[in-house]
Protein backbone atom coordinates (compact mmCIF):
# COMPACT_ATOMS: atom_id res chain seq x y z
CA ARG A 1 -25.76 175.90 108.26
CA TRP A 2 -25.35 177.08 104.67
CA LEU A 3 -29.11 177.56 104.39
CA GLU A 4 -29.20 179.58 107.58
CA CYS A 5 -26.58 181.91 106.13
CA LEU A 6 -28.56 182.08 102.89
CA ALA A 7 -31.67 183.05 104.82
CA LEU A 8 -29.81 185.90 106.48
CA VAL A 9 -28.61 187.14 103.09
CA LEU A 10 -32.01 186.86 101.38
CA ALA A 11 -34.17 188.24 104.15
CA PRO A 12 -35.20 191.88 104.08
CA PRO A 13 -34.08 193.96 107.09
CA PRO A 14 -36.29 192.98 110.06
CA GLU A 15 -38.67 195.70 111.11
CA GLU A 16 -38.24 194.82 114.75
CA LYS A 17 -35.17 193.74 116.59
CA GLY A 18 -35.08 190.02 117.15
CA GLU A 19 -37.47 189.16 114.29
CA ASP A 20 -36.63 185.84 112.63
CA PRO A 21 -35.21 186.66 109.16
CA GLN A 22 -36.27 183.25 107.85
CA ALA A 23 -39.92 184.17 108.40
CA GLN A 24 -39.52 186.96 105.81
CA ILE A 25 -38.20 184.71 103.02
CA THR A 26 -40.69 184.18 100.19
CA GLY A 27 -40.78 182.15 97.01
CA ARG A 28 -39.98 185.31 95.08
CA HIS A 29 -36.63 185.61 96.85
CA PHE A 30 -35.63 182.17 95.61
CA MET A 31 -36.80 182.96 92.09
CA GLU A 32 -34.70 186.11 92.11
CA LEU A 33 -31.74 184.21 93.52
CA THR A 34 -31.97 181.58 90.75
CA ASN A 35 -32.83 184.08 88.01
CA ASN A 36 -36.34 182.66 87.64
CA ASP A 37 -35.04 179.10 87.29
CA THR A 38 -37.95 177.15 88.75
CA SER A 39 -36.23 173.77 88.57
CA VAL A 40 -33.31 174.88 90.74
CA ALA A 41 -35.59 176.55 93.28
CA VAL A 42 -37.84 173.47 93.58
CA SER A 43 -34.93 171.04 93.84
CA LEU A 44 -33.41 173.12 96.66
CA MET A 45 -36.69 173.26 98.58
CA ALA A 46 -37.27 169.50 98.15
CA TRP A 47 -33.77 168.78 99.44
CA VAL A 48 -34.34 170.96 102.51
CA LEU A 49 -37.60 169.18 103.34
CA ARG A 50 -35.81 165.81 103.14
CA CYS A 51 -32.83 166.95 105.21
CA ALA A 52 -33.43 165.57 108.71
CA ALA A 53 -30.53 167.63 110.06
CA ALA A 54 -32.12 170.93 109.01
CA ASP A 55 -33.71 173.09 111.67
CA PHE A 56 -37.51 173.19 111.48
CA SER A 57 -37.50 176.93 110.79
CA ILE A 58 -35.50 176.21 107.62
CA GLN A 59 -37.85 173.39 106.59
CA GLU A 60 -40.87 175.59 107.27
CA MET A 61 -39.31 178.25 105.05
CA ALA A 62 -38.86 175.68 102.27
CA GLY A 63 -42.45 174.43 102.52
CA ARG A 64 -43.82 177.96 102.53
CA ALA A 65 -41.67 178.92 99.55
CA LEU A 66 -42.92 175.90 97.58
CA ALA A 67 -46.53 176.87 98.27
CA GLN A 68 -45.77 180.40 97.11
CA LEU A 69 -44.06 179.10 93.96
CA SER A 70 -47.41 177.60 92.96
CA THR A 71 -48.86 181.12 92.68
CA ALA A 72 -48.13 183.90 90.22
CA ASP A 73 -46.95 186.26 92.95
CA SER A 74 -43.52 184.69 93.39
CA VAL A 75 -42.53 184.45 89.73
CA PHE A 76 -41.76 188.02 88.83
CA LEU A 77 -39.42 190.76 89.87
CA PRO A 78 -41.03 193.86 91.42
CA VAL A 79 -43.31 195.65 89.00
CA ALA A 80 -41.57 198.94 89.78
CA ALA A 81 -38.39 197.71 88.10
CA ALA A 82 -40.23 197.03 84.85
CA ARG A 83 -41.89 200.46 84.95
CA GLU A 84 -38.57 202.19 85.43
CA ALA A 85 -37.31 200.44 82.29
CA GLY A 86 -39.99 202.27 80.32
CA ALA A 87 -42.03 199.25 79.29
CA THR A 88 -45.69 199.82 78.52
CA ASN A 89 -48.40 197.99 80.42
CA ASP A 90 -49.14 195.77 77.41
CA GLN A 91 -45.46 194.90 77.04
CA GLN A 92 -45.23 194.06 80.72
CA LEU A 93 -48.33 191.87 80.49
CA ALA A 94 -46.98 189.99 77.47
CA GLU A 95 -43.63 189.41 79.17
CA LEU A 96 -45.18 188.31 82.44
CA THR A 97 -47.57 185.97 80.67
CA THR A 98 -44.72 184.26 78.82
CA THR A 99 -42.69 183.95 82.01
CA LEU A 100 -45.59 182.52 84.01
CA ASN A 101 -46.37 180.01 81.27
CA GLN A 102 -42.80 178.70 81.43
CA HIS A 103 -42.81 178.82 85.22
CA VAL A 104 -45.96 176.72 85.59
CA ASP A 105 -44.78 174.00 83.24
CA GLY A 106 -41.36 173.90 84.89
CA LEU A 107 -42.90 173.94 88.37
CA ILE A 108 -45.11 170.91 87.80
CA GLN A 109 -42.36 168.95 86.05
CA SER A 110 -39.97 169.76 88.90
CA VAL A 111 -42.51 168.78 91.55
CA ILE A 112 -42.65 165.37 89.87
CA GLN A 113 -38.94 165.01 89.05
CA TYR A 114 -37.73 165.94 92.54
CA GLU A 115 -40.45 163.99 94.39
CA VAL A 116 -41.73 167.04 96.26
CA VAL A 117 -44.81 165.19 97.53
CA ASP A 118 -42.63 162.48 99.04
CA ALA A 119 -40.34 165.17 100.51
CA PHE A 120 -43.30 166.75 102.29
CA GLY A 121 -44.29 163.30 103.57
CA ARG A 122 -40.87 162.63 105.05
CA CYS A 123 -40.76 166.04 106.70
CA ILE A 124 -44.23 165.59 108.19
CA CYS A 125 -43.25 162.21 109.61
CA GLN A 126 -40.09 163.71 111.05
CA HIS A 127 -42.11 166.26 113.03
CA GLN A 128 -45.18 164.13 113.77
CA GLN A 129 -44.85 164.62 117.53
CA SER A 130 -45.57 168.35 117.22
CA HIS A 131 -49.03 169.29 115.98
CA VAL A 132 -47.86 172.91 115.60
CA ARG A 133 -45.23 171.89 113.09
CA THR A 134 -47.41 169.41 111.21
CA ASP A 135 -50.15 172.04 110.93
CA VAL A 136 -47.71 174.36 109.15
CA LEU A 137 -46.23 171.68 106.89
CA ILE A 138 -49.53 170.14 105.85
CA LYS A 139 -51.06 173.53 105.12
CA ASN A 140 -48.18 174.31 102.75
CA PHE A 141 -48.49 170.86 101.19
CA PHE A 142 -52.22 171.40 100.63
CA ALA A 143 -51.58 174.71 98.89
CA THR A 144 -48.82 173.32 96.65
CA VAL A 145 -50.76 170.28 95.40
CA HIS A 146 -54.06 172.15 95.24
CA ASN A 147 -52.75 174.91 92.97
CA CYS A 148 -50.59 172.71 90.75
CA LEU A 149 -53.58 170.52 89.91
CA LEU A 150 -55.62 173.50 88.75
CA TYR A 151 -53.29 174.82 86.06
CA CYS A 152 -54.05 174.04 82.43
CA ALA A 153 -50.45 172.99 81.78
CA ASN A 154 -49.80 169.90 79.68
CA SER A 155 -47.77 168.36 82.52
CA GLN A 156 -50.73 168.62 84.92
CA LYS A 157 -52.04 165.21 83.82
CA HIS A 158 -48.64 163.75 84.68
CA LEU A 159 -48.96 165.17 88.19
CA ARG A 160 -52.32 163.44 88.64
CA THR A 161 -50.78 160.10 87.70
CA HIS A 162 -47.77 160.84 89.90
CA LEU A 163 -50.03 161.42 92.90
CA ALA A 164 -51.89 158.19 92.25
CA LEU A 165 -48.88 155.95 91.67
CA HIS A 166 -45.86 157.45 93.44
CA SER A 167 -47.12 159.00 96.63
CA SER A 168 -48.73 157.50 99.71
CA ILE A 169 -49.01 160.85 101.47
CA VAL A 170 -52.65 161.45 100.47
CA LYS A 171 -54.05 158.31 102.05
CA ASP A 172 -51.33 157.75 104.66
CA ILE A 173 -50.76 161.32 105.87
CA MET A 174 -53.66 163.57 104.86
CA PHE A 175 -56.39 161.17 105.97
CA PRO A 176 -54.78 160.41 109.35
CA TYR A 177 -54.20 164.13 109.84
CA VAL A 178 -57.92 164.85 109.48
CA ASP A 179 -58.79 161.82 111.60
CA ASN A 180 -56.58 163.09 114.40
CA ILE A 181 -57.54 166.75 114.19
CA LEU A 182 -61.28 166.07 114.54
CA PRO A 183 -61.21 165.09 118.26
CA ALA A 184 -59.51 168.40 119.07
CA LEU A 185 -62.30 170.27 117.27
CA TYR A 186 -64.97 168.24 119.04
CA ASP A 187 -63.57 169.31 122.41
CA MET A 188 -63.63 173.02 121.60
CA PRO A 189 -66.68 174.79 123.07
CA ILE A 190 -66.64 177.35 120.25
CA VAL A 191 -65.21 176.81 116.77
CA THR A 192 -64.70 179.89 114.62
CA MET A 193 -63.12 180.64 111.25
CA ASP A 194 -60.00 181.83 113.07
CA THR A 195 -59.44 178.46 114.75
CA ILE A 196 -56.33 177.06 113.07
CA GLU A 197 -57.59 173.47 113.25
CA PHE A 198 -60.87 174.43 111.56
CA SER A 199 -59.03 176.49 108.94
CA ASN A 200 -56.79 173.53 108.16
CA LEU A 201 -59.80 171.21 108.03
CA LYS A 202 -61.41 173.43 105.38
CA SER A 203 -58.10 173.54 103.50
CA ALA A 204 -57.96 169.74 103.59
CA VAL A 205 -61.49 169.40 102.20
CA GLN A 206 -60.71 171.91 99.44
CA THR A 207 -57.71 169.84 98.42
CA PHE A 208 -59.75 166.63 98.62
CA VAL A 209 -62.22 168.17 96.15
CA VAL A 210 -59.44 168.96 93.68
CA VAL A 211 -57.65 165.63 94.12
CA THR A 212 -60.76 163.44 93.86
CA PHE A 213 -61.88 165.29 90.74
CA SER A 214 -58.52 164.67 89.11
CA VAL A 215 -57.48 161.26 90.50
CA ASP A 216 -60.26 158.69 90.76
CA VAL A 217 -58.12 156.22 92.72
CA PHE A 218 -58.67 158.28 95.88
CA ARG A 219 -62.46 158.23 95.66
CA ARG A 220 -62.97 154.77 97.13
CA ASP A 221 -61.18 155.83 100.33
CA PHE A 222 -64.09 158.15 101.06
CA LEU A 223 -66.75 155.61 100.12
CA ASN A 224 -65.43 153.12 102.67
CA ASP A 225 -65.01 155.60 105.51
CA ASP A 226 -67.32 157.79 107.58
CA ILE A 227 -64.83 160.68 107.60
CA ILE A 228 -67.23 163.06 105.81
CA PHE A 229 -69.93 162.48 108.43
CA ARG A 230 -67.41 162.96 111.24
CA MET A 231 -66.30 166.27 109.72
CA LEU A 232 -69.91 167.45 109.81
CA GLU A 233 -70.02 166.69 113.54
CA VAL A 234 -67.61 169.55 114.26
CA PRO A 235 -69.43 172.18 116.39
CA GLN A 236 -70.65 175.25 114.47
CA CYS A 237 -69.27 173.95 111.15
CA MET A 238 -72.77 173.97 109.64
CA ASN A 239 -72.95 177.73 110.15
CA TYR A 240 -70.42 178.40 107.40
CA VAL A 241 -71.58 178.38 103.79
CA GLY A 242 -68.04 177.95 102.51
CA PHE A 243 -67.59 174.74 104.46
CA LEU A 244 -70.95 173.30 103.40
CA GLU A 245 -70.13 174.08 99.78
CA VAL A 246 -66.84 172.17 99.70
CA VAL A 247 -68.32 169.18 101.54
CA ILE A 248 -71.16 168.93 99.01
CA ARG A 249 -68.68 169.23 96.14
CA LEU A 250 -66.61 166.45 97.69
CA CYS A 251 -69.68 164.23 97.95
CA ILE A 252 -70.42 164.84 94.27
CA ASN A 253 -66.86 164.11 93.14
CA VAL A 254 -66.64 160.79 94.99
CA SER A 255 -70.23 159.73 94.09
CA PHE A 256 -70.92 159.42 97.80
CA ASP A 257 -74.44 158.10 97.27
CA GLN A 258 -72.74 154.72 96.74
CA SER A 259 -71.47 154.77 100.33
CA GLN A 260 -73.24 153.13 103.25
CA PHE A 261 -72.68 156.37 105.19
CA PHE A 262 -74.51 158.57 102.67
CA PRO A 263 -77.90 158.66 104.49
CA LEU A 264 -76.16 160.05 107.59
CA VAL A 265 -74.34 162.71 105.57
CA GLN A 266 -77.42 163.63 103.54
CA ASN A 267 -79.53 164.15 106.66
CA LYS A 268 -76.79 166.16 108.34
CA LEU A 269 -76.34 168.44 105.32
CA GLN A 270 -80.07 168.98 104.95
CA GLU A 271 -80.40 169.88 108.63
CA GLY A 272 -77.55 172.36 108.28
CA TYR A 273 -79.05 173.89 105.14
CA ASN A 274 -82.50 174.27 106.72
CA ALA A 275 -80.94 176.03 109.72
CA LEU A 276 -79.29 178.69 107.54
CA PRO A 277 -80.92 182.11 107.11
CA PRO A 278 -82.67 182.54 103.72
CA ASP A 279 -79.92 184.79 102.34
CA MET A 280 -77.27 182.19 103.20
CA GLN A 281 -79.36 179.44 101.60
CA ALA A 282 -79.54 181.53 98.43
CA ARG A 283 -75.78 182.09 98.51
CA LEU A 284 -75.09 178.35 98.80
CA GLN A 285 -77.51 177.52 95.98
CA LEU A 286 -75.89 180.14 93.76
CA ARG A 287 -72.42 178.75 94.34
CA LEU A 288 -73.45 175.19 93.54
CA THR A 289 -75.85 175.73 90.65
CA ARG A 290 -74.24 178.73 88.94
CA PRO A 291 -70.53 178.48 89.70
CA ASP A 292 -68.14 181.12 88.47
CA PHE A 293 -65.49 179.34 86.42
CA SER A 294 -62.86 181.79 87.68
CA ARG A 295 -63.09 180.66 91.31
CA ALA A 296 -65.13 177.47 91.64
CA LEU A 297 -63.40 174.25 92.63
CA PRO A 298 -63.62 171.54 89.94
CA THR A 299 -66.71 169.42 90.48
CA ALA A 300 -68.06 166.49 88.50
CA GLN A 301 -71.60 166.32 87.18
CA PRO A 302 -73.69 164.56 89.85
CA SER A 303 -75.48 161.35 88.95
CA ALA A 304 -79.26 161.44 88.77
CA SER A 305 -79.58 159.75 92.17
CA LEU A 306 -77.12 162.14 93.81
CA ALA A 307 -78.80 165.18 92.24
CA ALA A 308 -82.13 163.96 93.61
CA ALA A 309 -80.66 163.43 97.07
CA PHE A 310 -79.27 166.98 97.10
CA ALA A 311 -82.39 168.52 95.53
CA PHE A 312 -82.89 170.59 98.69
CA VAL A 313 -79.85 172.70 97.73
CA LEU A 314 -79.45 172.00 94.00
CA GLY A 315 -83.14 172.47 93.30
CA SER A 316 -84.34 171.08 90.00
CA GLU A 317 -81.02 171.94 88.37
CA ARG A 318 -77.79 170.00 88.46
CA VAL A 319 -74.49 171.80 88.84
CA GLN A 320 -74.63 174.00 85.76
CA PRO A 321 -71.87 175.31 83.50
CA ALA A 322 -70.39 178.61 84.58
CA ARG A 323 -72.26 181.66 83.46
CA SER A 324 -70.67 184.02 80.95
CA ALA A 325 -71.24 187.20 82.93
CA GLU A 326 -70.31 190.76 82.19
CA PRO A 327 -66.84 191.76 83.39
CA GLN A 328 -66.39 191.57 87.14
CA ARG A 329 -63.58 192.03 89.60
CA ALA A 330 -61.87 188.84 90.72
CA PRO A 331 -59.14 187.96 93.18
CA ALA A 332 -55.60 187.35 91.96
CA GLN A 333 -55.79 183.77 93.22
CA CYS A 334 -58.74 182.82 91.03
CA PHE A 335 -59.54 179.65 89.01
CA GLY A 336 -60.31 177.83 92.27
CA MET A 337 -56.76 178.33 93.58
CA GLN A 338 -55.76 179.78 96.93
CA PRO A 339 -58.15 182.56 97.86
CA SER A 340 -56.62 185.89 98.75
CA ALA A 341 -56.03 186.99 102.30
CA GLY A 342 -59.17 189.05 102.03
CA GLY A 343 -61.46 186.05 101.62
CA ASP A 344 -63.65 184.78 98.77
CA TRP A 345 -65.34 186.96 96.16
CA ASP A 346 -69.07 187.41 96.16
CA LEU A 347 -70.50 186.38 92.78
CA GLU A 348 -73.67 188.43 93.06
CA LYS A 349 -72.28 191.71 94.37
CA GLY A 350 -68.82 191.66 92.80
CA GLY A 351 -67.22 192.36 96.15
CA PRO A 352 -65.72 190.54 99.11
CA ALA A 353 -67.82 187.74 100.51
CA SER A 354 -69.20 187.98 104.02
CA ASP A 355 -67.80 186.29 107.07
CA ASP A 356 -69.47 182.97 106.29
CA ASP A 357 -66.33 182.05 104.31
CA MET A 358 -63.03 180.75 105.51
CA PRO A 359 -59.65 182.48 105.13
CA GLY A 360 -57.37 181.37 102.31
CA LEU A 361 -54.89 178.52 102.45
CA ALA A 362 -52.03 181.00 102.71
CA PRO A 363 -52.05 184.81 102.99
CA VAL A 364 -51.16 186.50 99.70
CA ALA A 365 -51.69 189.92 98.20
CA ALA A 366 -55.27 190.67 97.21
CA PRO A 367 -55.29 192.84 94.07
CA THR A 368 -58.30 192.96 91.78
CA LEU A 369 -58.70 193.14 88.03
CA MET A 370 -61.30 193.36 85.36
CA HIS A 371 -61.75 190.35 83.12
CA SER A 372 -64.49 188.92 81.01
CA GLY A 373 -66.27 185.63 81.34
CA PRO A 374 -65.15 182.48 79.54
CA GLN A 375 -65.44 182.14 75.82
CA THR A 376 -67.32 179.26 74.26
CA GLY A 377 -65.25 176.10 74.52
CA ARG A 378 -63.19 177.19 77.52
CA VAL A 379 -65.38 175.51 80.10
CA CYS A 380 -66.62 171.94 80.37
CA GLU A 381 -70.19 171.55 79.10
CA LEU A 382 -70.94 169.29 82.06
CA SER A 383 -69.15 170.73 85.09
CA GLY A 384 -68.70 174.36 84.09
CA VAL A 385 -65.07 174.53 85.25
CA LEU A 386 -62.17 175.73 83.13
CA LEU A 387 -60.93 172.89 80.92
CA THR A 388 -57.50 171.70 82.08
CA ASP A 389 -57.44 168.29 80.33
CA PRO A 390 -60.07 168.60 77.58
CA VAL A 391 -61.23 165.85 75.25
CA THR A 392 -63.34 166.11 72.12
CA THR A 393 -66.17 163.71 71.33
CA PRO A 394 -66.83 162.55 67.73
CA ASP A 395 -69.54 165.22 67.35
CA GLY A 396 -67.13 168.01 68.35
CA ARG A 397 -68.29 168.56 71.95
CA VAL A 398 -65.55 169.37 74.47
CA PHE A 399 -65.52 168.02 78.03
CA GLU A 400 -63.08 167.77 80.92
CA ARG A 401 -61.61 164.26 80.77
CA ALA A 402 -62.24 163.44 84.43
CA THR A 403 -65.85 164.68 84.22
CA LEU A 404 -66.63 162.65 81.11
CA GLU A 405 -64.99 159.53 82.55
CA ALA A 406 -67.11 159.85 85.68
CA TRP A 407 -70.24 160.29 83.56
CA LEU A 408 -69.51 157.23 81.40
CA ASN A 409 -69.02 155.13 84.54
CA PHE A 410 -72.76 155.51 85.13
CA SER A 411 -74.07 155.78 81.58
CA PRO A 412 -72.57 154.61 78.26
CA MET A 413 -74.35 157.44 76.47
CA HIS A 414 -73.24 160.89 75.31
CA PRO A 415 -74.23 163.28 78.14
CA LEU A 416 -75.80 165.83 75.76
CA THR A 417 -77.04 163.87 72.74
CA GLY A 418 -77.80 160.47 74.26
CA VAL A 419 -75.97 158.46 71.58
CA PRO A 420 -73.61 155.61 72.62
CA LEU A 421 -70.15 156.86 73.55
CA THR A 422 -66.88 155.45 74.91
CA MET A 423 -63.70 157.20 76.02
CA ALA A 424 -61.80 155.40 73.24
CA GLU A 425 -63.77 157.47 70.72
CA CYS A 426 -62.65 160.75 72.32
CA THR A 427 -59.43 162.56 71.48
CA SER A 428 -57.35 165.04 73.45
CA ALA A 429 -58.17 168.65 72.62
CA ASP A 430 -54.65 170.04 72.91
CA ALA A 431 -55.49 173.25 71.07
CA VAL A 432 -58.24 174.06 73.58
CA ARG A 433 -55.92 173.31 76.49
CA GLN A 434 -53.22 175.59 75.07
CA GLU A 435 -55.76 178.40 74.56
CA ASN A 436 -56.99 177.99 78.13
CA MET A 437 -53.44 177.99 79.47
CA ALA A 438 -52.72 181.22 77.63
CA TYR A 439 -55.94 182.72 78.97
CA GLN A 440 -55.30 181.52 82.52
CA VAL A 441 -51.74 182.83 82.78
CA GLY A 442 -52.84 186.06 81.13
CA VAL A 443 -55.45 186.70 83.81
CA LEU A 444 -53.00 185.81 86.58
CA SER A 445 -50.33 188.04 85.04
CA ALA A 446 -52.78 190.92 84.86
CA ALA A 447 -53.51 190.38 88.55
CA VAL A 448 -49.81 190.60 89.36
CA LEU A 449 -49.50 193.85 87.41
CA ALA A 450 -52.48 195.27 89.27
CA ALA A 451 -51.14 194.24 92.66
CA GLU A 452 -49.60 196.63 95.09
CA GLU A 453 -45.83 196.78 94.85
CA LYS A 454 -45.40 195.84 98.49
CA PRO A 455 -46.01 192.09 98.87
CA ALA A 456 -48.08 190.80 101.74
CA GLU A 457 -46.12 189.86 104.81
CA PRO A 458 -45.87 186.10 105.33
CA ALA A 459 -47.97 184.66 108.10
CA PRO A 460 -45.87 183.96 111.20
CA VAL A 461 -45.59 180.42 112.43
CA GLN A 462 -48.08 180.11 115.23
CA GLN A 463 -46.52 179.10 118.50
CA MET A 464 -49.00 176.85 120.26
CA THR A 465 -48.53 174.24 122.91
CA GLY A 466 -50.37 171.06 123.68
CA PRO A 467 -50.35 167.35 123.01
CA SER A 468 -49.68 165.99 119.56
CA LEU A 469 -52.79 165.65 117.41
CA LEU A 470 -51.09 163.32 115.00
CA GLY A 471 -50.40 160.15 116.98
CA ASP A 472 -48.32 157.62 115.09
CA LEU A 473 -48.17 158.46 111.41
CA PRO A 474 -46.49 156.07 108.99
CA THR A 475 -42.79 156.59 108.49
CA ILE A 476 -41.53 156.98 104.94
CA GLN A 477 -37.93 155.86 104.80
CA ASN A 478 -35.53 153.79 102.77
CA ASP A 479 -34.31 150.38 103.86
CA PRO A 480 -30.82 151.16 105.24
CA GLY A 481 -29.59 147.60 104.58
CA VAL A 482 -30.52 147.70 100.93
CA ALA A 483 -29.17 151.22 100.56
CA ALA A 484 -25.79 150.21 101.97
CA ALA A 485 -25.55 147.05 99.87
CA GLU A 486 -26.31 148.80 96.59
CA LYS A 487 -24.62 152.14 97.26
CA GLU A 488 -21.54 151.44 95.18
CA LYS A 489 -23.53 149.85 92.37
CA LYS A 490 -25.90 152.81 92.12
CA LYS A 491 -23.00 155.22 92.13
CA LYS A 492 -21.74 153.67 88.89
CA SER A 493 -24.95 152.88 87.03
CA LYS A 494 -27.61 155.35 88.13
CA ILE A 495 -28.36 158.39 86.04
CA ARG A 496 -28.04 161.38 88.37
CA ILE A 497 -30.16 164.33 87.32
CA THR A 498 -29.24 167.75 88.64
CA SER A 499 -31.06 169.63 85.93
CA ARG A 500 -31.32 173.39 85.66
CA LYS A 501 -33.60 173.11 82.64
CA LEU A 502 -35.78 170.04 83.03
CA ILE A 503 -38.48 171.64 80.92
CA ASP A 504 -36.11 171.49 77.94
CA ALA A 505 -35.76 167.69 78.06
CA PRO A 506 -36.98 166.06 74.83
CA GLU A 507 -40.39 164.44 75.10
CA GLU A 508 -39.07 161.08 73.85
CA MET A 509 -36.85 160.87 76.94
CA ARG A 510 -39.77 161.20 79.34
CA CYS A 511 -41.93 158.52 80.91
CA SER A 512 -45.33 158.38 79.21
CA ILE A 513 -47.03 158.04 82.62
CA ASP A 514 -45.73 160.92 84.72
CA GLY A 515 -43.41 162.85 82.40
CA LYS A 516 -40.23 162.33 84.45
CA ILE A 517 -36.94 161.88 82.63
CA CYS A 518 -36.35 158.13 82.39
CA THR A 519 -33.38 156.63 84.20
CA ASN A 520 -34.26 153.00 83.38
CA PRO A 521 -36.43 153.20 80.25
CA LEU A 522 -38.63 150.38 79.00
CA ARG A 523 -40.35 150.34 75.63
CA SER A 524 -43.72 148.62 75.28
CA ILE A 525 -44.94 146.58 72.33
CA TYR A 526 -47.00 149.65 71.36
CA GLY A 527 -43.89 151.82 71.14
CA HIS A 528 -44.34 153.93 74.27
CA VAL A 529 -41.52 154.61 76.74
CA PHE A 530 -41.93 154.16 80.49
CA GLU A 531 -39.75 154.37 83.57
CA LYS A 532 -39.46 150.82 84.94
CA LYS A 533 -40.47 151.57 88.54
CA THR A 534 -43.32 153.78 87.41
CA LEU A 535 -44.70 151.10 85.11
CA GLU A 536 -44.45 148.50 87.88
CA LYS A 537 -46.54 150.72 90.15
CA TRP A 538 -49.02 151.28 87.34
CA PHE A 539 -49.56 147.54 86.93
CA GLN A 540 -49.95 147.14 90.69
CA SER A 541 -52.60 149.85 90.84
CA CYS A 542 -54.41 149.57 87.50
CA GLY A 543 -53.84 146.03 86.27
CA SER A 544 -52.32 144.71 83.05
CA VAL A 545 -53.35 147.48 80.68
CA CYS A 546 -51.27 150.00 78.75
CA PRO A 547 -51.33 153.42 80.48
CA VAL A 548 -51.60 155.16 77.11
CA THR A 549 -53.74 152.95 74.88
CA GLN A 550 -55.65 151.02 77.59
CA LYS A 551 -54.94 147.87 75.58
CA PRO A 552 -53.75 144.63 77.30
CA LEU A 553 -50.10 144.85 78.34
CA LYS A 554 -47.83 142.84 80.63
CA MET A 555 -44.49 143.71 82.20
CA GLU A 556 -42.64 141.01 80.28
CA GLU A 557 -43.83 142.58 77.03
CA CYS A 558 -41.82 145.73 77.81
CA GLN A 559 -38.12 145.54 77.06
CA PRO A 560 -35.22 147.72 78.28
CA ASP A 561 -34.30 150.38 75.76
CA SER A 562 -30.52 150.61 76.13
CA ALA A 563 -30.16 152.85 73.09
CA LEU A 564 -32.53 155.42 74.60
CA LYS A 565 -30.72 155.23 77.93
CA LYS A 566 -27.46 156.09 76.19
CA GLN A 567 -29.16 159.00 74.43
CA ILE A 568 -30.45 160.29 77.77
CA ILE A 569 -27.00 160.08 79.37
CA LYS A 570 -25.45 161.80 76.35
CA TRP A 571 -28.05 164.58 76.40
CA LEU A 572 -27.59 165.18 80.14
CA LYS A 573 -23.82 165.37 79.75
CA GLU A 574 -23.96 167.65 76.73
CA THR A 575 -26.32 170.05 78.46
CA GLY A 576 -24.32 169.97 81.68
CA GLN A 577 -27.23 168.54 83.68
CA ALA A 578 -25.80 165.23 84.85
């Protein structure tokens, strides 16, 4: 009830009588309400998603706001206010860049700390009988995870580990969602870009591309399933270049040539490519062989066998590094993030792409800006995408960590020089990552400054009827017996974190796996600190190796660090966060 009242206070005056005020709430409203405190905004939205007593309209508002918080559009106060204060454009840009940098780091840390992925999972399970509601929730979840994984923030690598170890939603919710949405698409006589099921299918594949590039644990799920082939069976899907592009990128990221289903997928993709008009074939080739770093989804370097299998579209070239072109206009939601409401950007013409592309994951404003291509060292020398977790080889070459790891799985040689190479010889290139983060938030801030002052209206929740597409999805819930038995004990011993400034927590108090503030810290024989439950899940998933050093490590070799726990409690109390 409190949230309903809050929605009425925050919402702008409805343009039409009877319009739902909650539908007008955006992520920016919550940032203004909390004075740009990302942690508070995220914790509130996560709590709403978990609250089974909340009305769906309130939960939908929370999910939509979280998706919007992952973009630059929701971070800042209206540009007009800054102009009235007399600030120059350069001063505004510098201020916005600093604010966005802090926002991104705080956003990702808060998504981990407040278990936002799990909150989405619980909310989806709660509404699994309504495909209308799950469509809305999953679309917002896709956008949130998709964008967070594409920032160059230092905490981004913690999010990848968090997804792999803490959350079952990817394999238990996202996969079943696609499995259950496909029959509905098969039964449609005509499938267009405006079909919500097809739009959500494309959104799912986009997110799969990002997730499989970043988290290799999800790749085997695709190798053991024919889901990619079944997606290509959707009527008219082969007519859309945008859809073919993301499917091919997904095949490359998961090394799909190792799957028993690859011949079926390869033949299907080749048939679809051959049926395209020549200009569409050229467009698809351009996107795959000369990707623009500012919009391309992250894609690994294909193995020799996979490159040969896709020679019909890749030609004699593999996926090449992004070209350093002359300045061109780009959408505000660039770097492979959510496209703008106006669609993708044509790389050859510098204008909006044609109707072969799908709409964005969520409607946002579509301003344009001028920016130059990447400087040397900003993009991976294998994949061509902007470096978000760069590593340096002994000879000074810089690669994206995930891309180099995938390469070394097939060949123990340096990808450019041919000399023997192991990941242990490579070091993190933190300076490059920081430069890229500054560049990335600078471009996004410039886009916000160039945007129209009136934000785009949020997309209304579509009211559709029909049977549930999502059958029986797994329920994520706590054991009520255990919760009741340990309630009093937890009340006394558990560290309760209600932080307003999680990003200020000292690094030594954070888990070395996912960056969350430790509540039950363990210290390994190598000196690293881990959260107990997180380390247990690591051992279950990855075996008895240290998450940091990759050296042999067992659970019994990690001892509770009571001194650190006391320091954490003291710090939380002193900062008023516990």
